[in-house]
Amino acid sequence: MYNTILEQASKIKTPGFFITVECSKETDKMPEAIEDFIFAKLELIKQGTSARKFVYQQDGWRLIFTFFPTNEVVDERYALKNKVYKRL
């Protein structure tokens, strides 16, 4: 079911943003209103909120959506980094 959610989220037009979805809790019931949730968060971003990570919780699901702007450098707190440790 998580793959269905990923596919559904990928089809939503979000000009200026690439969205990732993480699942931290899953159930057998398909969550509803994901598209409405995404559009509501895009509206918050347009209104000036600095948050880019939002949690959707409904029907036993817990999904974490992160909105990455496509026209600017990713904020340091959301950047994916590789760390290399050298053993001596």
Protein backbone atom coordinates (compact mmCIF):
# COMPACT_ATOMS: atom_id res chain seq x y z
CA MET A 1 0.00 0.00 0.00
CA TYR A 2 2.94 2.34 0.67
CA ASN A 3 3.96 2.04 -3.00
CA THR A 4 0.47 3.16 -4.00
CA ILE A 5 0.86 6.23 -1.80
CA LEU A 6 4.24 7.01 -3.35
CA GLU A 7 2.75 6.69 -6.82
CA GLN A 8 -0.22 8.87 -5.88
CA ALA A 9 2.04 11.57 -4.40
CA SER A 10 4.33 11.52 -7.44
CA LYS A 11 1.40 12.33 -9.75
CA ILE A 12 0.41 15.48 -7.85
CA LYS A 13 1.57 18.63 -9.63
CA THR A 14 3.68 20.66 -7.20
CA PRO A 15 5.41 23.36 -9.28
CA GLY A 16 8.64 24.47 -7.67
CA PHE A 17 8.86 21.55 -5.26
CA PHE A 18 10.06 17.96 -5.20
CA ILE A 19 8.36 16.00 -2.41
CA THR A 20 9.68 12.95 -0.57
CA VAL A 21 7.49 10.65 1.53
CA GLU A 22 8.65 8.56 4.47
CA CYS A 23 6.36 6.09 6.22
CA SER A 24 6.81 5.56 9.94
CA LYS A 25 3.49 3.80 10.60
CA GLU A 26 1.33 1.82 8.18
CA THR A 27 -2.06 0.09 8.24
CA ASP A 28 -4.22 -1.88 5.80
CA LYS A 29 -6.63 1.00 5.19
CA MET A 30 -5.74 3.43 2.40
CA PRO A 31 -5.28 6.97 3.79
CA GLU A 32 -7.53 9.66 2.38
CA ALA A 33 -7.05 13.28 1.38
CA ILE A 34 -3.29 13.11 0.78
CA GLU A 35 -3.62 15.48 -2.17
CA ASP A 36 -5.54 17.99 -0.01
CA PHE A 37 -2.87 17.69 2.67
CA ILE A 38 -0.08 18.41 0.17
CA PHE A 39 -1.90 21.42 -1.31
CA ALA A 40 -2.59 22.81 2.17
CA LYS A 41 1.11 22.56 3.04
CA LEU A 42 2.11 24.18 -0.26
CA GLU A 43 -0.21 27.05 0.63
CA LEU A 44 1.49 27.40 4.03
CA ILE A 45 4.87 27.56 2.28
CA LYS A 46 3.56 30.24 -0.11
CA GLN A 47 2.35 32.22 2.91
CA GLY A 48 5.89 32.23 4.29
CA THR A 49 6.27 29.34 6.71
CA SER A 50 9.86 28.16 6.94
CA ALA A 51 8.85 24.54 7.65
CA ARG A 52 9.45 22.05 4.87
CA LYS A 53 8.68 18.82 6.72
CA PHE A 54 5.06 17.97 7.57
CA VAL A 55 3.51 14.90 9.22
CA TYR A 56 0.27 13.37 7.94
CA GLN A 57 -1.53 11.18 10.49
CA GLN A 58 -4.83 9.50 9.71
CA ASP A 59 -6.39 6.04 9.95
CA GLY A 60 -3.29 4.63 11.65
CA TRP A 61 -0.88 6.03 9.03
CA ARG A 62 2.01 8.32 9.82
CA LEU A 63 3.62 9.77 6.71
CA ILE A 64 6.34 12.40 6.68
CA PHE A 65 6.35 14.69 3.65
CA THR A 66 9.41 16.83 2.96
CA PHE A 67 9.13 19.62 0.38
CA PHE A 68 12.37 20.42 -1.44
CA PRO A 69 12.42 23.58 -3.59
CA THR A 70 13.62 22.96 -7.13
CA ASN A 71 14.90 26.50 -7.70
CA GLU A 72 17.24 26.97 -4.74
CA VAL A 73 19.81 25.18 -2.63
CA VAL A 74 18.32 22.83 -0.04
CA ASP A 75 18.33 24.23 3.49
CA GLU A 76 21.14 22.72 5.58
CA ARG A 77 18.72 21.06 8.02
CA TYR A 78 17.10 19.05 5.20
CA ALA A 79 20.23 18.24 3.21
CA LEU A 80 21.14 14.59 2.75
CA LYS A 81 24.77 14.08 3.64
CA ASN A 82 27.20 11.23 3.52
CA LYS A 83 29.54 10.88 6.45
CA VAL A 84 32.77 8.99 6.18
CA TYR A 85 34.63 7.81 9.24
CA LYS A 86 38.21 6.75 8.91
CA ARG A 87 39.56 4.12 11.29
CA LEU A 88 43.23 4.16 12.10
